[in-house]
Structures are given as structure tokens and as C-alpha cells.
């Protein structure tokens, strides 16, 4: 029938429970569809026994999902039915601010009732969480930090400080770090050993103008342990030369503090490695190799200031003069260069080019193109060299020089006549050819960023080997002259593919500066290459 007023959202719910078989007991289980059923109270049940409706409490009571009659029944008794009255379903909506703290029982709200990321910093009162709320296993002291604690004595423990995953350390003097150092870490040491004055590195004893092979066995035979006297070294022909170990060492006022320590100085395959003693600005001067004989090519002498960090390795190449006969034949001369090993990358700082070689067919006149080229001392000029701007034949961005390409129609092979290009910073110089023998792959000087050997002829000692530092090979007799090593390697002569001329442009190596701060060009240099590093006081 219709309702007066608002109709209920749902009607009464009367539930007929499962039939009960009686026996000689007063207690019986209540079930609905074979599942235990717990009524709200005894009054919520309507129970008929032997055709008579029973009075709640007086005739029966309920406990959980069981009904207990006032007296035991027998198997002759019949429980006609049990109906549970559940009443209408009510979806209660509480008004705001109706539930107070006093209405909530102690410990009634557990962590299971609190959602993730519900409580934020603004919900916590200032200083409401103290060390007493943390599960710390011990009492700390000033300077200690909280560390994870294994075991059942606490989740945290106070521990002494150490070098963490991203710690920064600033030290001075000789420092020994103990314990486990995690990487990556930042170590800033302003002074790792004592050193001052101008250190002079040279390659005259180390390199001797000969080719340095890149195979490890050859390198070990040629250089061995540089901190042992009376080293036996080998040229390509296996001729033995012995000399004292101290003769090849750099010189300085404080040389004894680092020269015998391989963690501070070492030489591998002719390349010298020196460790920066302190973070400061250093003046570095490089002199490329050259020769003042019969219009031979001259090296370049340049310097500038650079910022170096304590502990960094400086990689030093001292160019050597090419092998010569004292008059009209000589291999291309090597460049001198300094780079810093920073972030695992060899980063060039300064390169002083070496002069080109000469042969019997070289013009008997002074040619400035045989000499190493001066660096640009402006930022724009240095970038042009780096990025291969300007004249592409001159500014080649660290690329090696080209080898001889002379294609005159000789009837026989002139195997020892080709000239090699000088090695550049990034790539070696090209091998050359003359006549039917159009290419000799080993004639070019090595790349300064890799193994800066001099160009050579692999079958024997015929011809004129380029100097260490990327000098190109010079052919015999009237062959092509090798280019000088440098930032851009110098070209070999006879680099045109016809017989119209020698192609004498830019045969000397190029010079380059990464920084132009206080840059100075001292002009031409003759003799083996050198590197001077001035350590500030």
C-alpha cells in the first residue's frame, strides 16, 4: 500500500533460517544456507516449537550463532521454523563535527585504518618526533650519524662518520684514507705532495729520433722500468743501447720528492705521465722538435696558463727530431704536447708543432711552410682550428697530414721513396706513395692522442724515420719529405697526383692552445722537443 510521507529506502528483511533437527539437548546451531548465522538478539528471532510460538528470553536465549532453549528437547519435539528479523537497511550519514574524540575508544584506530601518504609534515607538531620515538640501539656522541642496524637490538645505530657515496672531502698535505671508499665520491685535495719551481721534461734520451712500436712487448723492451739504472733499450734493428735511468728523467729543484714514485711519475711508450701536486694555475711551455740544418723544418715554442687540480694526471709528449744524415735528408719532426686526464678523458691543453723533414729533392731555400705553424692566440682563432673553420687545407681540426701522392710514370717500383704525413691530435698522418708504389700505410706519423710514433718503413731501416710526436717518414734519395707532427699534421711533399710540383704548402705541423690566457708565442725552436711546467709556490 502507499506510504504517507517519505518512503523507506528499503523494507524489512525477514530471514528464514535452516531447519533444525531436535535431539536430547537444549543447544542448537543457527545457520542460513549452511553458513553460521548470528542474530542481533533473542528478540530478533521468531521461533515456533511444536506449533507454539516461543517467548524470547523466557523460552530461549541466543549466544553468537547458537540458540539455547530453557530446557532440553527430545527427538519427538519439532522446531517448526526460526525466522530472523533484521529490520530495514539504513545508510547512515553523520553530520559534520558530530563524532568527537571522546566517542572513539582507545587504540580503536590502527595503522591498517590509515591510508598510505595520508599524514604529511603539516600534520605533525613541531618537535613532536624525538630520538625516543626512533628504534636506536645505542647512545650517540657529537659528530656521529644514524646508520641502519642489523639484528634485533634496534633498527638504527649511532656510528662514526666516513666517506659516503657522494661525500666531498677537502684536505691538505699528504693524506692517507683508510676504510671503504664508495664511488662516486668527490675528493678535493689541495696539496698532495711538495713540489715547486719549473720542471723540464725532455725526450732526447727517451726517444732518440726512432720509431716507437705500439705493441706491448716492444714497449717493455724499449723502456722497461724507467726507475732502474742501466736500462737496455732496442731500436727496430735490435741494436742495443744502454744508459743510466737518471739520464732520462725530468729535472727540478724538488725532483727527488716524486721522480722515484710511480704513483706520481711514469713513462709508457715514450709518453710521460706526471701527477699534479696541488690545485693551482700552472704555466706550461711546449717546444716542438726541429732542425737548423740545410733549410730543414723548425719546431714551435709556445706557452700559456692552465688551471689544474691536485691529483690529476698530466700526459706529456716531448717531440723528437726525425732521423737524419746531417745534411740533406731527415724525417719529419715530432710535436710536443700536454694534455690532462680529466673525467677519464684525455683533454688536450697545448700542442707545439714539429717542423717538416727534407730530402734530396727538397728545394734548397728557406721555406716558412716547412716550419711548424704558430697557434691562434684569440678565442675565435682557436675555435676555428678546433672546428675546422677557415682554410680547410690548413685548419683541419686535429687531423693528420696527407702522404705523398706523386704519380709520375716511373717504370719500376720505388718502394722506399714515399713520404708520410705528420700525425695530428685525433688521427695519424696518411701513408704515401710515388710512381707505381702508390701507398705505404706505415709512413704517416701516429696520432698524438693515441700512440704518437714516428712514421717508418716496415721492411728495414731504409729511409728516414719520423721523430716521436707524429713526424712523417722521409723517403730515400729524391723521395718525398715527411710532414711534421702537430695539432694538424703537416703534409708530406709531392702531395699532388701529377708531376707539376712538390706541393709544399703546410708541411710543418700546426700548433694549438685550449686556453689563450697569458698565451705567448716564442717563435721557432730547433733541437728535440721539450715541455716546461712551472709549479706555483
Protein backbone atom coordinates (compact mmCIF):
# COMPACT_ATOMS: atom_id res chain seq x y z
CA UNK A 1 0.00 0.00 0.00
CA UNK A 2 1.20 3.57 -0.45
CA UNK A 3 3.15 5.39 2.31
CA UNK A 4 2.35 8.66 3.96
CA UNK A 5 5.47 10.82 3.93
CA UNK A 6 8.90 9.72 2.71
CA UNK A 7 9.00 6.08 1.62
CA UNK A 8 11.75 3.99 3.28
CA UNK A 9 14.76 3.27 1.06
CA UNK A 10 14.41 -0.43 1.80
CA UNK A 11 11.82 -2.67 3.50
CA UNK A 12 12.09 -5.13 6.40
CA UNK A 13 14.30 -8.17 5.97
CA UNK A 14 12.84 -11.38 7.48
CA UNK A 15 15.20 -14.33 7.02
CA UNK A 16 14.05 -17.93 7.28
CA UNK A 17 16.90 -19.93 8.83
CA UNK A 18 17.77 -23.53 8.04
CA UNK A 19 15.63 -26.31 9.62
CA UNK A 20 16.86 -27.76 12.92
CA UNK A 21 16.66 -31.45 13.84
CA UNK A 22 15.97 -31.87 17.57
CA UNK A 23 17.64 -34.26 19.97
CA UNK A 24 18.18 -34.65 23.70
CA UNK A 25 19.85 -31.24 24.15
CA UNK A 26 18.89 -27.61 24.69
CA UNK A 27 21.56 -26.01 22.44
CA UNK A 28 21.37 -25.88 18.64
CA UNK A 29 23.37 -24.14 15.86
CA UNK A 30 21.69 -21.45 13.78
CA UNK A 31 22.58 -21.49 10.05
CA UNK A 32 21.44 -19.84 6.88
CA UNK A 33 22.27 -21.75 3.69
CA UNK A 34 24.57 -23.95 5.82
CA UNK A 35 26.56 -20.91 7.00
CA UNK A 36 26.60 -19.95 10.68
CA UNK A 37 24.14 -17.14 11.39
CA UNK A 38 24.39 -14.82 14.41
CA UNK A 39 21.15 -12.91 15.10
CA UNK A 40 21.16 -9.44 16.57
CA UNK A 41 19.43 -10.65 19.75
CA UNK A 42 16.92 -13.25 21.02
CA UNK A 43 14.14 -10.71 20.44
CA UNK A 44 15.03 -10.56 16.73
CA UNK A 45 14.01 -14.22 16.29
CA UNK A 46 10.55 -15.74 15.89
CA UNK A 47 10.72 -19.40 16.99
CA UNK A 48 7.85 -21.96 16.70
CA UNK A 49 8.19 -25.21 18.73
CA UNK A 50 5.55 -27.94 18.38
CA UNK A 51 3.18 -25.39 16.79
CA UNK A 52 3.56 -22.85 19.63
CA UNK A 53 5.43 -19.53 19.22
CA UNK A 54 8.08 -19.24 21.92
CA UNK A 55 8.73 -16.20 24.06
CA UNK A 56 12.25 -14.75 23.73
CA UNK A 57 14.43 -14.86 26.84
CA UNK A 58 11.89 -16.90 28.82
CA UNK A 59 11.78 -19.84 26.40
CA UNK A 60 15.16 -19.38 24.71
CA UNK A 61 18.24 -17.21 24.51
CA UNK A 62 20.95 -16.78 21.83
CA UNK A 63 24.73 -16.80 22.11
CA UNK A 64 26.53 -15.91 18.90
CA UNK A 65 25.22 -18.32 16.28
CA UNK A 66 23.57 -20.78 18.76
CA UNK A 67 20.09 -20.89 20.29
CA UNK A 68 19.67 -22.24 23.82
CA UNK A 69 16.21 -23.41 24.98
CA UNK A 70 15.16 -23.15 28.61
CA UNK A 71 15.08 -26.95 28.85
CA UNK A 72 16.42 -29.85 26.81
CA UNK A 73 14.27 -31.03 23.94
CA UNK A 74 13.73 -34.58 22.76
CA UNK A 75 13.79 -36.14 19.34
CA UNK A 76 9.98 -36.07 19.40
CA UNK A 77 9.92 -32.27 19.56
CA UNK A 78 9.64 -30.30 16.29
CA UNK A 79 11.06 -26.86 15.70
CA UNK A 80 8.63 -25.65 13.07
CA UNK A 81 10.66 -22.66 11.95
CA UNK A 82 13.12 -19.98 13.05
CA UNK A 83 12.68 -16.56 11.40
CA UNK A 84 15.22 -13.79 11.95
CA UNK A 85 14.13 -10.18 11.74
CA UNK A 86 16.95 -7.91 10.53
CA UNK A 87 14.99 -4.73 10.10
CA UNK A 88 15.44 -2.20 7.24
CA UNK A 89 18.91 -1.44 5.87
CA UNK A 90 19.94 2.06 6.87
CA UNK A 91 22.76 4.02 5.21
CA UNK A 92 23.66 6.46 7.96
CA UNK A 93 25.16 9.84 7.07
CA UNK A 94 26.67 11.70 10.01
CA UNK A 95 26.65 15.45 10.14
CA UNK A 96 29.97 17.28 10.24
CA UNK A 97 31.62 17.62 13.67
CA UNK A 98 29.28 15.06 15.30
CA UNK A 99 31.99 12.45 16.12
CA UNK A 100 34.25 13.68 18.91
CA UNK A 101 37.46 12.30 20.34
CA UNK A 102 35.60 11.05 23.41
CA UNK A 103 33.42 8.82 21.19
CA UNK A 104 36.46 6.91 19.86
CA UNK A 105 37.76 4.11 22.06
CA UNK A 106 41.43 3.99 22.96
CA UNK A 107 43.52 2.07 20.38
CA UNK A 108 40.44 1.69 18.19
CA UNK A 109 42.18 3.22 15.16
CA UNK A 110 45.12 1.07 13.96
CA UNK A 111 47.68 1.57 11.16
CA UNK A 112 45.50 -0.65 8.93
CA UNK A 113 42.81 2.07 9.01
CA UNK A 114 45.24 4.83 7.89
CA UNK A 115 45.91 5.18 4.16
CA UNK A 116 49.38 5.46 2.59
CA UNK A 117 50.80 9.02 2.34
CA UNK A 118 47.81 10.40 4.28
CA UNK A 119 49.81 12.00 7.08
CA UNK A 120 52.04 14.83 5.81
CA UNK A 121 54.58 17.06 7.54
CA UNK A 122 51.96 19.76 8.22
CA UNK A 123 50.00 17.24 10.37
CA UNK A 124 52.90 16.88 12.80
CA UNK A 125 53.53 19.39 15.54
CA UNK A 126 56.98 20.94 15.74
CA UNK A 127 59.47 18.70 17.57
CA UNK A 128 56.75 16.08 18.08
CA UNK A 129 59.04 13.22 16.95
CA UNK A 130 62.18 12.95 19.08
CA UNK A 131 65.00 10.41 19.24
CA UNK A 132 63.00 8.45 21.83
CA UNK A 133 60.44 7.58 19.13
CA UNK A 134 63.16 6.04 16.90
CA UNK A 135 64.39 2.47 17.34
CA UNK A 136 68.04 3.34 18.09
CA UNK A 137 70.18 0.67 19.71
CA UNK A 138 72.76 2.89 21.43
CA UNK A 139 73.53 6.37 22.69
CA UNK A 140 75.42 8.55 20.24
CA UNK A 141 78.01 11.27 20.60
CA UNK A 142 78.61 14.54 18.75
CA UNK A 143 79.68 14.06 15.12
CA UNK A 144 78.09 10.63 14.67
CA UNK A 145 75.29 9.80 12.25
CA UNK A 146 72.42 7.28 12.23
CA UNK A 147 73.16 4.08 10.35
CA UNK A 148 71.00 1.05 9.56
CA UNK A 149 71.34 -1.62 12.27
CA UNK A 150 71.03 -5.34 11.52
CA UNK A 151 69.76 -7.73 14.21
CA UNK A 152 67.09 -7.46 16.86
CA UNK A 153 68.67 -4.77 19.06
CA UNK A 154 67.30 -1.88 17.03
CA UNK A 155 66.69 -0.65 13.53
CA UNK A 156 69.19 2.20 13.79
CA UNK A 157 72.52 2.79 15.50
CA UNK A 158 74.79 5.78 16.02
CA UNK A 159 78.06 5.33 14.03
CA UNK A 160 81.21 7.31 13.33
CA UNK A 161 81.28 9.37 10.10
CA UNK A 162 83.02 8.06 6.93
CA UNK A 163 83.24 8.66 3.20
CA UNK A 164 79.76 8.19 1.78
CA UNK A 165 78.51 7.71 -1.74
CA UNK A 166 78.51 11.42 -2.54
CA UNK A 167 80.77 12.92 0.12
CA UNK A 168 83.10 15.80 -0.50
CA UNK A 169 86.49 15.92 1.20
CA UNK A 170 88.92 18.82 1.30
CA UNK A 171 92.40 18.02 2.57
CA UNK A 172 95.89 19.45 2.50
CA UNK A 173 99.25 17.76 2.74
CA UNK A 174 99.99 14.06 2.50
CA UNK A 175 96.76 12.27 3.37
CA UNK A 176 96.05 8.56 3.85
CA UNK A 177 92.43 7.42 3.56
CA UNK A 178 91.51 4.16 5.30
CA UNK A 179 88.39 2.05 5.27
CA UNK A 180 85.95 1.52 2.41
CA UNK A 181 85.60 4.37 -0.06
CA UNK A 182 82.36 4.23 -2.02
CA UNK A 183 82.14 5.63 -5.53
CA UNK A 184 81.34 8.03 -6.97
CA UNK A 185 82.92 10.42 -4.48
CA UNK A 186 84.48 13.85 -4.66
CA UNK A 187 87.99 14.19 -3.27
CA UNK A 188 89.38 17.70 -3.25
CA UNK A 189 92.99 17.65 -2.11
CA UNK A 190 94.71 20.99 -2.35
CA UNK A 191 98.24 19.69 -1.80
CA UNK A 192 99.18 16.01 -2.22
CA UNK A 193 102.97 16.40 -2.26
CA UNK A 194 105.61 19.12 -2.14
CA UNK A 195 106.80 20.47 -5.46
CA UNK A 196 107.68 23.91 -6.82
CA UNK A 197 109.77 25.59 -9.47
CA UNK A 198 109.96 24.79 -13.19
CA UNK A 199 110.03 21.14 -14.21
CA UNK A 200 111.76 20.43 -17.52
CA UNK A 201 110.67 17.31 -19.38
CA UNK A 202 112.54 16.25 -22.50
CA UNK A 203 112.55 13.34 -24.90
CA UNK A 204 116.07 13.35 -26.30
CA UNK A 205 117.21 10.34 -24.26
CA UNK A 206 113.84 8.61 -24.25
CA UNK A 207 113.01 8.72 -27.93
CA UNK A 208 116.33 9.18 -29.78
CA UNK A 209 114.54 10.03 -33.01
CA UNK A 210 113.49 6.44 -33.59
CA UNK A 211 110.20 4.76 -34.21
CA UNK A 212 108.32 3.56 -31.11
CA UNK A 213 106.24 0.45 -31.70
CA UNK A 214 102.82 0.24 -30.10
CA UNK A 215 102.95 -3.46 -29.24
CA UNK A 216 103.37 -4.03 -25.50
CA UNK A 217 106.37 -6.34 -25.83
CA UNK A 218 108.24 -3.74 -27.83
CA UNK A 219 107.31 -1.02 -25.37
CA UNK A 220 108.57 -3.07 -22.42
CA UNK A 221 111.82 -3.86 -24.19
CA UNK A 222 112.38 -0.29 -25.27
CA UNK A 223 111.56 1.45 -21.99
CA UNK A 224 111.35 -1.17 -19.26
CA UNK A 225 111.29 0.21 -15.74
CA UNK A 226 112.46 3.80 -16.00
CA UNK A 227 113.32 3.90 -12.30
CA UNK A 228 116.07 1.29 -12.65
CA UNK A 229 119.58 2.19 -13.78
CA UNK A 230 121.36 0.67 -16.80
CA UNK A 231 118.27 0.04 -18.91
CA UNK A 232 118.81 -1.88 -22.12
CA UNK A 233 116.77 -0.41 -24.97
CA UNK A 234 116.26 -1.65 -28.51
CA UNK A 235 115.90 0.12 -31.82
CA UNK A 236 113.95 -1.56 -34.63
CA UNK A 237 117.18 -3.19 -35.84
CA UNK A 238 117.65 -4.73 -32.33
CA UNK A 239 120.86 -2.77 -31.80
CA UNK A 240 121.25 -2.44 -28.04
CA UNK A 241 121.85 0.89 -26.35
CA UNK A 242 122.35 1.06 -22.60
CA UNK A 243 122.11 4.18 -20.48
CA UNK A 244 121.52 5.12 -16.87
CA UNK A 245 117.93 5.55 -15.73
CA UNK A 246 118.53 9.01 -14.21
CA UNK A 247 119.73 10.44 -17.53
CA UNK A 248 116.22 10.44 -18.97
CA UNK A 249 114.46 11.95 -16.01
CA UNK A 250 112.98 15.46 -15.79
CA UNK A 251 114.80 18.00 -13.64
CA UNK A 252 113.61 20.35 -10.93
CA UNK A 253 114.65 21.61 -7.53
CA UNK A 254 112.31 19.13 -5.82
CA UNK A 255 112.69 16.24 -8.23
CA UNK A 256 113.59 13.71 -5.51
CA UNK A 257 110.14 14.01 -3.93
CA UNK A 258 108.34 12.48 -6.90
CA UNK A 259 110.73 11.17 -9.55
CA UNK A 260 111.09 7.71 -7.97
CA UNK A 261 107.41 7.27 -7.14
CA UNK A 262 105.42 5.63 -9.92
CA UNK A 263 102.22 6.93 -8.34
CA UNK A 264 103.48 10.42 -9.18
CA UNK A 265 105.55 9.95 -12.37
CA UNK A 266 105.87 7.26 -15.01
CA UNK A 267 106.65 6.76 -18.68
CA UNK A 268 104.90 4.38 -21.04
CA UNK A 269 105.86 4.01 -24.70
CA UNK A 270 107.67 7.33 -24.60
CA UNK A 271 104.68 9.24 -23.18
CA UNK A 272 105.44 10.75 -19.78
CA UNK A 273 102.79 10.94 -17.03
CA UNK A 274 103.16 13.37 -14.14
CA UNK A 275 100.75 13.88 -11.25
CA UNK A 276 99.65 17.41 -10.36
CA UNK A 277 100.80 18.20 -6.79
CA UNK A 278 98.24 20.90 -5.94
CA UNK A 279 95.27 22.76 -7.34
CA UNK A 280 96.54 25.96 -8.91
CA UNK A 281 97.25 27.80 -12.16
CA UNK A 282 100.29 26.42 -13.99
CA UNK A 283 102.35 27.93 -16.80
CA UNK A 284 103.06 25.28 -19.45
CA UNK A 285 105.61 25.80 -22.21
CA UNK A 286 105.89 23.42 -25.16
CA UNK A 287 108.68 23.24 -27.73
CA UNK A 288 108.13 21.21 -30.89
CA UNK A 289 111.15 19.47 -32.43
CA UNK A 290 113.05 20.96 -35.37
CA UNK A 291 116.47 21.07 -37.01
CA UNK A 292 118.60 24.00 -38.19
CA UNK A 293 120.38 22.13 -40.99
CA UNK A 294 120.11 22.83 -44.73
CA UNK A 295 116.75 24.56 -44.65
CA UNK A 296 115.17 21.86 -42.52
CA UNK A 297 111.87 22.50 -40.70
CA UNK A 298 111.84 24.15 -37.28
CA UNK A 299 109.50 23.46 -34.38
CA UNK A 300 107.36 25.97 -32.49
CA UNK A 301 107.85 27.30 -28.94
CA UNK A 302 104.63 28.40 -27.20
CA UNK A 303 103.23 28.75 -23.68
CA UNK A 304 100.03 29.61 -21.79
CA UNK A 305 98.45 29.31 -18.32
CA UNK A 306 96.12 26.46 -17.33
CA UNK A 307 94.16 25.54 -14.21
CA UNK A 308 94.99 22.04 -12.94
CA UNK A 309 93.60 20.10 -9.98
CA UNK A 310 95.62 18.22 -7.39
CA UNK A 311 95.84 14.53 -8.21
CA UNK A 312 95.12 14.84 -11.93
CA UNK A 313 97.47 13.11 -14.34
CA UNK A 314 99.21 15.26 -16.94
CA UNK A 315 100.13 13.44 -20.17
CA UNK A 316 103.33 14.77 -21.73
CA UNK A 317 104.73 14.20 -25.24
CA UNK A 318 108.19 15.54 -25.96
CA UNK A 319 108.68 15.51 -29.71
CA UNK A 320 111.92 14.12 -31.18
CA UNK A 321 113.80 15.14 -34.31
CA UNK A 322 113.44 12.84 -37.27
CA UNK A 323 116.33 10.56 -38.18
CA UNK A 324 118.77 12.41 -40.46
CA UNK A 325 122.13 12.18 -42.17
CA UNK A 326 123.39 15.55 -41.02
CA UNK A 327 122.85 17.25 -44.36
CA UNK A 328 120.07 16.85 -46.90
CA UNK A 329 117.91 14.03 -45.54
CA UNK A 330 115.75 13.95 -42.40
CA UNK A 331 112.42 12.53 -41.30
CA UNK A 332 109.61 14.82 -40.19
CA UNK A 333 109.97 16.19 -36.66
CA UNK A 334 107.66 15.43 -33.77
CA UNK A 335 105.29 17.75 -31.92
CA UNK A 336 105.36 18.32 -28.18
CA UNK A 337 102.03 18.29 -26.38
CA UNK A 338 100.48 18.37 -22.91
CA UNK A 339 97.05 17.02 -22.02
CA UNK A 340 95.23 16.38 -18.75
CA UNK A 341 93.40 13.16 -17.95
CA UNK A 342 90.12 14.50 -16.60
CA UNK A 343 86.89 12.52 -16.08
CA UNK A 344 88.56 9.59 -17.82
CA UNK A 345 89.14 11.64 -21.00
CA UNK A 346 92.49 12.82 -22.35
CA UNK A 347 91.83 16.53 -22.87
CA UNK A 348 94.49 18.42 -24.85
CA UNK A 349 95.79 21.68 -23.39
CA UNK A 350 98.68 22.77 -25.61
CA UNK A 351 100.32 21.42 -28.79
CA UNK A 352 103.56 22.82 -30.27
CA UNK A 353 104.03 21.59 -33.84
CA UNK A 354 107.18 19.98 -35.21
CA UNK A 355 108.95 21.01 -38.42
CA UNK A 356 108.84 19.02 -41.65
CA UNK A 357 111.66 16.81 -42.93
CA UNK A 358 113.71 17.26 -46.11
CA UNK A 359 115.02 15.03 -48.89
CA UNK A 360 117.47 15.42 -51.78
CA UNK A 361 114.69 16.79 -53.96
CA UNK A 362 113.62 19.42 -51.41
CA UNK A 363 114.11 22.98 -52.52
CA UNK A 364 117.45 24.38 -51.36
CA UNK A 365 115.93 27.53 -49.99
CA UNK A 366 114.30 28.73 -46.81
CA UNK A 367 110.58 27.91 -46.87
CA UNK A 368 108.42 29.07 -43.98
CA UNK A 369 105.91 26.33 -44.79
CA UNK A 370 108.44 23.76 -43.54
CA UNK A 371 108.35 25.29 -40.07
CA UNK A 372 105.68 24.49 -37.51
CA UNK A 373 102.82 26.94 -37.59
CA UNK A 374 102.05 29.35 -34.77
CA UNK A 375 98.81 28.93 -32.80
CA UNK A 376 95.98 31.40 -32.82
CA UNK A 377 96.06 33.35 -29.58
CA UNK A 378 92.45 34.51 -29.82
CA UNK A 379 89.42 32.52 -28.79
CA UNK A 380 87.88 32.81 -32.24
CA UNK A 381 91.08 31.62 -33.90
CA UNK A 382 91.48 28.67 -31.55
CA UNK A 383 87.87 27.65 -32.19
CA UNK A 384 88.44 27.88 -35.95
CA UNK A 385 91.30 25.41 -35.64
CA UNK A 386 89.27 23.13 -33.41
CA UNK A 387 86.15 23.20 -35.54
CA UNK A 388 87.97 23.04 -38.90
CA UNK A 389 86.99 26.55 -39.86
CA UNK A 390 88.85 28.81 -42.25
CA UNK A 391 91.20 27.33 -44.84
CA UNK A 392 90.40 23.60 -44.83
CA UNK A 393 93.85 22.75 -46.21
CA UNK A 394 95.44 24.47 -43.22
CA UNK A 395 92.84 24.33 -40.43
CA UNK A 396 91.88 20.68 -40.27
CA UNK A 397 90.67 20.38 -36.68
CA UNK A 398 93.28 17.94 -35.33
CA UNK A 399 93.51 15.75 -38.47
CA UNK A 400 96.76 14.18 -39.69
CA UNK A 401 98.55 15.39 -42.83
CA UNK A 402 98.30 13.67 -46.20
CA UNK A 403 101.07 11.45 -47.58
CA UNK A 404 102.79 11.78 -50.94
CA UNK A 405 100.59 11.17 -53.99
CA UNK A 406 103.11 11.82 -56.77
CA UNK A 407 102.08 9.77 -59.80
CA UNK A 408 104.95 10.23 -62.23
CA UNK A 409 105.10 7.33 -64.69
CA UNK A 410 108.17 5.53 -63.43
CA UNK A 411 108.61 2.05 -64.89
CA UNK A 412 109.78 0.48 -61.60
CA UNK A 413 108.54 0.43 -58.06
CA UNK A 414 110.22 3.00 -55.80
CA UNK A 415 109.40 1.27 -52.55
CA UNK A 416 111.48 3.49 -50.24
CA UNK A 417 110.61 6.83 -51.83
CA UNK A 418 107.16 7.60 -50.33
CA UNK A 419 106.74 10.31 -47.68
CA UNK A 420 104.25 10.19 -44.81
CA UNK A 421 102.02 12.94 -43.44
CA UNK A 422 102.59 14.20 -39.92
CA UNK A 423 100.31 12.88 -37.18
CA UNK A 424 97.53 15.16 -35.92
CA UNK A 425 95.91 15.11 -32.50
CA UNK A 426 92.98 12.89 -33.43
CA UNK A 427 94.18 10.92 -36.45
CA UNK A 428 97.55 9.70 -37.79
CA UNK A 429 99.19 11.07 -40.90
CA UNK A 430 98.48 9.39 -44.20
CA UNK A 431 100.88 6.93 -45.81
CA UNK A 432 102.28 7.96 -49.16
CA UNK A 433 103.41 6.62 -52.49
CA UNK A 434 105.42 7.55 -55.58
CA UNK A 435 105.15 6.02 -59.03
CA UNK A 436 103.70 2.51 -59.17
CA UNK A 437 104.08 2.13 -55.43
CA UNK A 438 101.16 4.42 -54.59
CA UNK A 439 100.68 3.73 -50.90
CA UNK A 440 102.79 2.84 -47.91
CA UNK A 441 100.48 2.58 -44.85
CA UNK A 442 103.08 2.99 -42.09
CA UNK A 443 104.75 6.12 -43.42
CA UNK A 444 102.45 8.52 -41.58
CA UNK A 445 103.19 9.72 -38.06
CA UNK A 446 101.00 8.43 -35.21
CA UNK A 447 98.11 10.40 -33.68
CA UNK A 448 99.12 12.44 -30.64
CA UNK A 449 96.02 11.36 -28.70
CA UNK A 450 96.95 7.68 -29.14
CA UNK A 451 100.47 6.40 -29.88
CA UNK A 452 102.47 9.29 -31.42
CA UNK A 453 105.19 7.19 -33.09
CA UNK A 454 107.23 8.46 -35.99
CA UNK A 455 106.42 7.24 -39.50
CA UNK A 456 108.71 4.44 -40.71
CA UNK A 457 109.39 1.88 -43.43
CA UNK A 458 108.48 -1.52 -42.05
CA UNK A 459 110.80 -3.79 -44.06
CA UNK A 460 114.15 -2.43 -42.89
CA UNK A 461 115.83 0.76 -41.68
CA UNK A 462 115.91 2.20 -45.21
CA UNK A 463 114.76 5.80 -45.40
CA UNK A 464 114.48 8.41 -42.73
CA UNK A 465 112.26 7.63 -39.79
CA UNK A 466 109.99 10.37 -38.44
CA UNK A 467 110.53 11.72 -34.96
CA UNK A 468 108.45 10.68 -31.94
CA UNK A 469 105.48 13.02 -31.74
CA UNK A 470 103.96 12.19 -35.12
CA UNK A 471 106.79 13.07 -37.53
CA UNK A 472 106.24 11.60 -41.01
CA UNK A 473 108.64 9.21 -42.82
CA UNK A 474 111.00 10.70 -45.46
CA UNK A 475 111.84 8.57 -48.50
CA UNK A 476 115.36 7.79 -49.72
CA UNK A 477 117.25 9.60 -52.43
CA UNK A 478 114.94 12.03 -54.21
CA UNK A 479 111.84 10.82 -52.39
CA UNK A 480 109.14 12.75 -50.58
CA UNK A 481 109.88 14.60 -47.33
CA UNK A 482 107.74 13.70 -44.31
CA UNK A 483 105.37 16.20 -42.67
CA UNK A 484 105.81 17.49 -39.13
CA UNK A 485 103.61 16.29 -36.28
CA UNK A 486 101.17 18.75 -34.70
CA UNK A 487 97.59 19.60 -33.82
CA UNK A 488 97.08 19.43 -37.58
CA UNK A 489 99.76 17.17 -39.04
CA UNK A 490 101.91 18.67 -41.79
CA UNK A 491 101.58 17.27 -45.31
CA UNK A 492 104.35 15.28 -47.00
CA UNK A 493 105.92 16.89 -50.07
CA UNK A 494 104.90 15.68 -53.52
CA UNK A 495 101.33 15.57 -52.33
CA UNK A 496 99.84 16.24 -55.77
CA UNK A 497 98.69 13.49 -58.08
CA UNK A 498 100.75 14.69 -61.05
CA UNK A 499 104.27 15.90 -61.72
CA UNK A 500 103.53 19.62 -61.69
CA UNK A 501 105.19 20.39 -58.39
CA UNK A 502 106.19 19.35 -54.92
CA UNK A 503 103.08 20.61 -53.15
CA UNK A 504 105.00 22.41 -50.43
CA UNK A 505 102.06 24.02 -48.63
CA UNK A 506 101.84 23.48 -44.85
CA UNK A 507 104.38 20.68 -44.46
CA UNK A 508 105.19 21.83 -40.90
CA UNK A 509 102.88 20.76 -38.07
CA UNK A 510 100.22 23.03 -36.60
CA UNK A 511 100.19 24.42 -33.05
CA UNK A 512 97.14 24.87 -30.81
CA UNK A 513 96.05 26.19 -27.41
CA UNK A 514 92.98 25.17 -25.42
CA UNK A 515 93.26 28.39 -23.40
CA UNK A 516 94.64 31.73 -24.53
CA UNK A 517 95.19 33.14 -21.02
CA UNK A 518 98.65 34.75 -20.96
CA UNK A 519 99.46 32.98 -24.24
CA UNK A 520 102.92 33.66 -25.64
CA UNK A 521 104.45 32.60 -28.96
CA UNK A 522 108.24 32.43 -28.58
CA UNK A 523 108.78 31.63 -32.24
CA UNK A 524 110.86 28.89 -33.85
CA UNK A 525 112.68 26.13 -31.97
CA UNK A 526 115.47 23.78 -33.05
CA UNK A 527 116.52 20.61 -31.29
CA UNK A 528 114.46 17.92 -29.63
CA UNK A 529 111.14 18.85 -28.14
CA UNK A 530 110.74 19.91 -24.53
CA UNK A 531 107.95 20.62 -22.05
CA UNK A 532 108.39 23.03 -19.15
CA UNK A 533 105.81 23.17 -16.36
CA UNK A 534 106.09 25.93 -13.77
CA UNK A 535 104.58 24.94 -10.42
CA UNK A 536 103.47 27.96 -8.37
CA UNK A 537 104.83 28.36 -4.85
